Amino acid sequence: MRTNRERARLVHERAAALRREMRARRRRRLNAVCMAACLLLVTGIGALMPMLMENVSSGGVSHASGTASLIAENGALGCILVGLFAFLLGVCVTVLLYRLRGADERRRQDEPDDED
């Protein structure tokens, strides 16, 4: 028969395990939403590019000096914005991969070793 102290310890351990599991589920949901948003952004931009290029070739854009100039009248500003967007996308992917790696390491530490 267990003492009250042992029962209380088991209850606290179980509560901590449930909290860890809930945090892990919340983290997985957040990661899934972030990945879906990035995928939607990339595919949306990719779907819009043919329409933009069609406008350039048909003469619908008055400043058809280049693809980057579609963003602004100034071609250099367009290139800067495209570079900035590419950098931000790279940062987002790096942060996402870093978080996934950290989550994987935490999961490995939390798992009990079954090497008996």
N, C-alpha and C. Protein backbone atom coordinates (compact mmCIF):
# COMPACT_ATOMS: atom_id res chain seq x y z
N MET A 1 0.84 -1.17 0.00
CA MET A 1 0.00 0.00 0.00
C MET A 1 0.89 1.24 0.00
N ARG A 2 0.49 2.25 -0.77
CA ARG A 2 1.29 3.47 -0.89
C ARG A 2 0.89 4.47 0.18
N THR A 3 1.87 5.27 0.53
CA THR A 3 1.60 6.33 1.50
C THR A 3 1.01 7.53 0.78
N ASN A 4 0.48 8.46 1.56
CA ASN A 4 -0.09 9.67 0.97
C ASN A 4 0.97 10.49 0.25
N ARG A 5 2.16 10.48 0.77
CA ARG A 5 3.25 11.22 0.14
C ARG A 5 3.59 10.65 -1.23
N GLU A 6 3.62 9.31 -1.33
CA GLU A 6 3.89 8.67 -2.61
C GLU A 6 2.78 8.96 -3.62
N ARG A 7 1.54 8.90 -3.15
CA ARG A 7 0.40 9.20 -4.03
C ARG A 7 0.48 10.65 -4.53
N ALA A 8 0.80 11.57 -3.66
CA ALA A 8 0.89 12.98 -4.04
C ALA A 8 2.01 13.18 -5.07
N ARG A 9 3.13 12.50 -4.87
CA ARG A 9 4.24 12.59 -5.80
C ARG A 9 3.83 12.05 -7.17
N LEU A 10 3.12 10.93 -7.20
CA LEU A 10 2.67 10.35 -8.47
C LEU A 10 1.67 11.28 -9.17
N VAL A 11 0.78 11.91 -8.39
CA VAL A 11 -0.17 12.84 -8.98
C VAL A 11 0.55 14.02 -9.59
N HIS A 12 1.54 14.57 -8.89
CA HIS A 12 2.31 15.70 -9.40
C HIS A 12 3.10 15.32 -10.65
N GLU A 13 3.67 14.12 -10.66
CA GLU A 13 4.40 13.67 -11.84
C GLU A 13 3.47 13.52 -13.05
N ARG A 14 2.30 12.97 -12.80
CA ARG A 14 1.34 12.80 -13.90
C ARG A 14 0.86 14.15 -14.42
N ALA A 15 0.61 15.09 -13.50
CA ALA A 15 0.18 16.43 -13.92
C ALA A 15 1.27 17.11 -14.74
N ALA A 16 2.52 16.95 -14.34
CA ALA A 16 3.63 17.54 -15.10
C ALA A 16 3.73 16.89 -16.48
N ALA A 17 3.52 15.58 -16.55
CA ALA A 17 3.57 14.89 -17.84
C ALA A 17 2.45 15.38 -18.75
N LEU A 18 1.26 15.59 -18.20
CA LEU A 18 0.15 16.10 -19.00
C LEU A 18 0.42 17.52 -19.50
N ARG A 19 1.04 18.35 -18.66
CA ARG A 19 1.38 19.71 -19.08
C ARG A 19 2.41 19.68 -20.21
N ARG A 20 3.42 18.81 -20.09
CA ARG A 20 4.43 18.69 -21.15
C ARG A 20 3.79 18.24 -22.45
N GLU A 21 2.87 17.29 -22.36
CA GLU A 21 2.20 16.79 -23.54
C GLU A 21 1.35 17.88 -24.20
N MET A 22 0.67 18.69 -23.38
CA MET A 22 -0.15 19.77 -23.92
C MET A 22 0.73 20.83 -24.60
N ARG A 23 1.88 21.16 -23.98
CA ARG A 23 2.79 22.12 -24.59
C ARG A 23 3.33 21.59 -25.91
N ALA A 24 3.63 20.30 -25.94
CA ALA A 24 4.15 19.70 -27.17
C ALA A 24 3.09 19.74 -28.27
N ARG A 25 1.84 19.46 -27.95
CA ARG A 25 0.77 19.53 -28.94
C ARG A 25 0.59 20.95 -29.45
N ARG A 26 0.65 21.92 -28.53
CA ARG A 26 0.51 23.32 -28.93
C ARG A 26 1.65 23.72 -29.85
N ARG A 27 2.87 23.27 -29.53
CA ARG A 27 4.03 23.58 -30.36
C ARG A 27 3.89 22.96 -31.75
N ARG A 28 3.41 21.72 -31.81
CA ARG A 28 3.22 21.06 -33.11
C ARG A 28 2.18 21.79 -33.95
N ARG A 29 1.09 22.23 -33.30
CA ARG A 29 0.08 22.98 -34.04
C ARG A 29 0.64 24.29 -34.57
N LEU A 30 1.40 25.00 -33.74
CA LEU A 30 2.00 26.26 -34.17
C LEU A 30 2.96 26.03 -35.32
N ASN A 31 3.77 25.00 -35.25
CA ASN A 31 4.69 24.68 -36.34
C ASN A 31 3.94 24.35 -37.62
N ALA A 32 2.85 23.60 -37.50
CA ALA A 32 2.06 23.25 -38.69
C ALA A 32 1.43 24.50 -39.31
N VAL A 33 0.93 25.40 -38.48
CA VAL A 33 0.33 26.63 -39.00
C VAL A 33 1.39 27.49 -39.68
N CYS A 34 2.57 27.59 -39.08
CA CYS A 34 3.65 28.38 -39.68
C CYS A 34 4.09 27.78 -41.02
N MET A 35 4.23 26.47 -41.08
CA MET A 35 4.61 25.84 -42.33
C MET A 35 3.54 26.04 -43.40
N ALA A 36 2.27 25.93 -43.01
CA ALA A 36 1.18 26.13 -43.97
C ALA A 36 1.17 27.57 -44.47
N ALA A 37 1.41 28.53 -43.57
CA ALA A 37 1.43 29.93 -43.99
C ALA A 37 2.57 30.20 -44.96
N CYS A 38 3.75 29.65 -44.68
CA CYS A 38 4.89 29.83 -45.59
C CYS A 38 4.60 29.18 -46.94
N LEU A 39 4.05 27.99 -46.93
CA LEU A 39 3.73 27.30 -48.17
C LEU A 39 2.69 28.08 -48.96
N LEU A 40 1.67 28.60 -48.28
CA LEU A 40 0.64 29.39 -48.94
C LEU A 40 1.23 30.66 -49.54
N LEU A 41 2.13 31.31 -48.81
CA LEU A 41 2.76 32.52 -49.31
C LEU A 41 3.59 32.24 -50.56
N VAL A 42 4.40 31.21 -50.51
CA VAL A 42 5.26 30.88 -51.65
C VAL A 42 4.43 30.47 -52.86
N THR A 43 3.42 29.62 -52.66
CA THR A 43 2.60 29.20 -53.80
C THR A 43 1.74 30.35 -54.32
N GLY A 44 1.29 31.23 -53.44
CA GLY A 44 0.52 32.40 -53.88
C GLY A 44 1.35 33.31 -54.75
N ILE A 45 2.56 33.60 -54.32
CA ILE A 45 3.45 34.45 -55.12
C ILE A 45 3.78 33.76 -56.44
N GLY A 46 4.02 32.45 -56.37
CA GLY A 46 4.31 31.70 -57.59
C GLY A 46 3.14 31.69 -58.56
N ALA A 47 1.92 31.65 -58.03
CA ALA A 47 0.74 31.66 -58.89
C ALA A 47 0.51 33.04 -59.51
N LEU A 48 0.93 34.09 -58.82
CA LEU A 48 0.73 35.45 -59.34
C LEU A 48 1.77 35.85 -60.38
N MET A 49 2.94 35.26 -60.35
CA MET A 49 4.01 35.67 -61.26
C MET A 49 3.65 35.52 -62.74
N PRO A 50 3.01 34.42 -63.18
CA PRO A 50 2.66 34.36 -64.61
C PRO A 50 1.73 35.50 -65.03
N MET A 51 0.79 35.86 -64.16
CA MET A 51 -0.12 36.96 -64.50
C MET A 51 0.65 38.27 -64.60
N LEU A 52 1.59 38.50 -63.70
CA LEU A 52 2.39 39.72 -63.76
C LEU A 52 3.25 39.77 -65.01
N MET A 53 3.84 38.64 -65.33
CA MET A 53 4.67 38.59 -66.53
C MET A 53 3.83 38.75 -67.80
N GLU A 54 2.60 38.27 -67.78
CA GLU A 54 1.70 38.44 -68.93
C GLU A 54 1.39 39.92 -69.12
N ASN A 55 1.17 40.63 -68.01
CA ASN A 55 0.91 42.07 -68.09
C ASN A 55 2.11 42.80 -68.68
N VAL A 56 3.31 42.36 -68.33
CA VAL A 56 4.52 43.00 -68.86
C VAL A 56 4.61 42.76 -70.35
N SER A 57 4.39 41.53 -70.80
CA SER A 57 4.55 41.23 -72.22
C SER A 57 3.44 41.84 -73.07
N SER A 58 2.26 42.03 -72.49
CA SER A 58 1.16 42.62 -73.26
C SER A 58 1.18 44.14 -73.24
N GLY A 59 2.08 44.72 -72.51
CA GLY A 59 2.18 46.16 -72.45
C GLY A 59 1.29 46.77 -71.39
N GLY A 60 0.75 45.96 -70.50
CA GLY A 60 -0.13 46.46 -69.45
C GLY A 60 0.61 47.23 -68.37
N VAL A 61 1.92 47.05 -68.31
CA VAL A 61 2.74 47.75 -67.33
C VAL A 61 3.56 48.78 -68.07
N SER A 62 3.53 50.01 -67.58
CA SER A 62 4.21 51.09 -68.31
C SER A 62 5.72 51.08 -68.11
N HIS A 63 6.20 50.48 -67.05
CA HIS A 63 7.64 50.47 -66.77
C HIS A 63 8.17 49.04 -66.84
N ALA A 64 8.21 48.48 -68.02
CA ALA A 64 8.61 47.10 -68.22
C ALA A 64 10.11 46.96 -68.37
N SER A 65 10.87 47.63 -67.54
CA SER A 65 12.32 47.55 -67.67
C SER A 65 12.89 46.30 -67.02
N GLY A 66 12.10 45.56 -66.27
CA GLY A 66 12.58 44.33 -65.65
C GLY A 66 11.56 43.78 -64.68
N THR A 67 11.77 42.56 -64.24
CA THR A 67 10.83 41.92 -63.33
C THR A 67 10.76 42.63 -62.00
N ALA A 68 11.90 43.03 -61.47
CA ALA A 68 11.91 43.67 -60.15
C ALA A 68 11.24 45.03 -60.19
N SER A 69 11.17 45.65 -61.37
CA SER A 69 10.54 46.96 -61.45
C SER A 69 9.02 46.86 -61.37
N LEU A 70 8.47 45.65 -61.35
CA LEU A 70 7.04 45.50 -61.16
C LEU A 70 6.62 45.97 -59.77
N ILE A 71 7.53 45.93 -58.83
CA ILE A 71 7.21 46.31 -57.46
C ILE A 71 7.17 47.81 -57.32
N ALA A 72 8.02 48.50 -57.99
CA ALA A 72 8.07 49.96 -57.88
C ALA A 72 8.57 50.54 -59.20
N GLU A 73 8.40 51.84 -59.35
CA GLU A 73 8.89 52.52 -60.55
C GLU A 73 10.40 52.40 -60.67
N ASN A 74 11.07 52.43 -59.55
CA ASN A 74 12.52 52.38 -59.52
C ASN A 74 12.97 50.91 -59.53
N GLY A 75 13.74 50.51 -60.52
CA GLY A 75 14.20 49.13 -60.63
C GLY A 75 15.07 48.71 -59.46
N ALA A 76 15.92 49.62 -58.96
CA ALA A 76 16.80 49.29 -57.85
C ALA A 76 15.99 49.02 -56.59
N LEU A 77 14.96 49.80 -56.36
CA LEU A 77 14.12 49.59 -55.18
C LEU A 77 13.42 48.24 -55.26
N GLY A 78 12.99 47.86 -56.45
CA GLY A 78 12.37 46.55 -56.64
C GLY A 78 13.33 45.42 -56.32
N CYS A 79 14.58 45.57 -56.78
CA CYS A 79 15.59 44.55 -56.47
C CYS A 79 15.86 44.46 -54.99
N ILE A 80 15.91 45.60 -54.33
CA ILE A 80 16.14 45.62 -52.89
C ILE A 80 15.00 44.92 -52.15
N LEU A 81 13.76 45.19 -52.57
CA LEU A 81 12.62 44.55 -51.92
C LEU A 81 12.60 43.04 -52.15
N VAL A 82 12.91 42.62 -53.35
CA VAL A 82 12.96 41.18 -53.63
C VAL A 82 14.05 40.53 -52.78
N GLY A 83 15.22 41.17 -52.67
CA GLY A 83 16.29 40.64 -51.82
C GLY A 83 15.88 40.59 -50.37
N LEU A 84 15.19 41.62 -49.90
CA LEU A 84 14.72 41.65 -48.51
C LEU A 84 13.72 40.54 -48.24
N PHE A 85 12.79 40.33 -49.17
CA PHE A 85 11.81 39.24 -49.01
C PHE A 85 12.50 37.88 -49.01
N ALA A 86 13.49 37.70 -49.87
CA ALA A 86 14.22 36.44 -49.91
C ALA A 86 14.97 36.22 -48.60
N PHE A 87 15.58 37.27 -48.08
CA PHE A 87 16.29 37.17 -46.80
C PHE A 87 15.32 36.81 -45.68
N LEU A 88 14.17 37.46 -45.62
CA LEU A 88 13.19 37.17 -44.57
C LEU A 88 12.66 35.75 -44.67
N LEU A 89 12.45 35.26 -45.88
CA LEU A 89 12.02 33.88 -46.05
C LEU A 89 13.10 32.92 -45.56
N GLY A 90 14.36 33.22 -45.86
CA GLY A 90 15.46 32.39 -45.36
C GLY A 90 15.55 32.40 -43.85
N VAL A 91 15.33 33.56 -43.24
CA VAL A 91 15.35 33.64 -41.78
C VAL A 91 14.22 32.80 -41.19
N CYS A 92 13.04 32.90 -41.78
CA CYS A 92 11.90 32.13 -41.28
C CYS A 92 12.16 30.62 -41.37
N VAL A 93 12.70 30.18 -42.47
CA VAL A 93 13.00 28.75 -42.64
C VAL A 93 14.06 28.32 -41.64
N THR A 94 15.09 29.16 -41.43
CA THR A 94 16.15 28.82 -40.48
C THR A 94 15.59 28.71 -39.07
N VAL A 95 14.76 29.66 -38.67
CA VAL A 95 14.17 29.62 -37.33
C VAL A 95 13.28 28.39 -37.17
N LEU A 96 12.50 28.08 -38.20
CA LEU A 96 11.64 26.91 -38.15
C LEU A 96 12.46 25.63 -37.98
N LEU A 97 13.52 25.49 -38.76
CA LEU A 97 14.36 24.29 -38.65
C LEU A 97 15.07 24.23 -37.30
N TYR A 98 15.50 25.37 -36.79
CA TYR A 98 16.14 25.41 -35.47
C TYR A 98 15.16 24.96 -34.39
N ARG A 99 13.92 25.44 -34.46
CA ARG A 99 12.90 25.05 -33.48
C ARG A 99 12.58 23.57 -33.59
N LEU A 100 12.49 23.05 -34.81
CA LEU A 100 12.21 21.62 -34.98
C LEU A 100 13.34 20.77 -34.41
N ARG A 101 14.57 21.21 -34.62
CA ARG A 101 15.71 20.47 -34.08
C ARG A 101 15.71 20.50 -32.55
N GLY A 102 15.42 21.68 -31.97
CA GLY A 102 15.35 21.78 -30.51
C GLY A 102 14.24 20.93 -29.94
N ALA A 103 13.09 20.90 -30.62
CA ALA A 103 11.97 20.08 -30.16
C ALA A 103 12.34 18.60 -30.22
N ASP A 104 13.05 18.21 -31.27
CA ASP A 104 13.47 16.82 -31.40
C ASP A 104 14.45 16.45 -30.28
N GLU A 105 15.38 17.34 -29.97
CA GLU A 105 16.33 17.06 -28.89
C GLU A 105 15.63 16.98 -27.54
N ARG A 106 14.66 17.88 -27.30
CA ARG A 106 13.91 17.82 -26.04
C ARG A 106 13.11 16.54 -25.94
N ARG A 107 12.54 16.11 -27.05
CA ARG A 107 11.77 14.87 -27.05
C ARG A 107 12.67 13.68 -26.74
N ARG A 108 13.86 13.69 -27.29
CA ARG A 108 14.79 12.58 -27.02
C ARG A 108 15.23 12.57 -25.56
N GLN A 109 15.39 13.74 -24.96
CA GLN A 109 15.78 13.80 -23.55
C GLN A 109 14.65 13.36 -22.64
N ASP A 110 13.41 13.67 -23.03
CA ASP A 110 12.26 13.32 -22.20
C ASP A 110 11.91 11.85 -22.26
N GLU A 111 12.28 11.18 -23.34
CA GLU A 111 11.97 9.76 -23.48
C GLU A 111 12.85 8.96 -22.52
N PRO A 112 12.24 8.02 -21.80
CA PRO A 112 13.05 7.17 -20.90
C PRO A 112 13.89 6.19 -21.71
N ASP A 113 15.04 5.90 -21.21
CA ASP A 113 15.91 4.92 -21.87
C ASP A 113 15.42 3.52 -21.56
N ASP A 114 15.22 2.72 -22.60
CA ASP A 114 14.74 1.36 -22.44
C ASP A 114 15.87 0.34 -22.57
N GLU A 115 17.07 0.75 -22.27
CA GLU A 115 18.24 -0.12 -22.43
C GLU A 115 18.55 -0.80 -21.10
N ASP A 116 17.75 -1.79 -20.74
CA ASP A 116 17.99 -2.54 -19.48
C ASP A 116 18.59 -3.87 -19.76
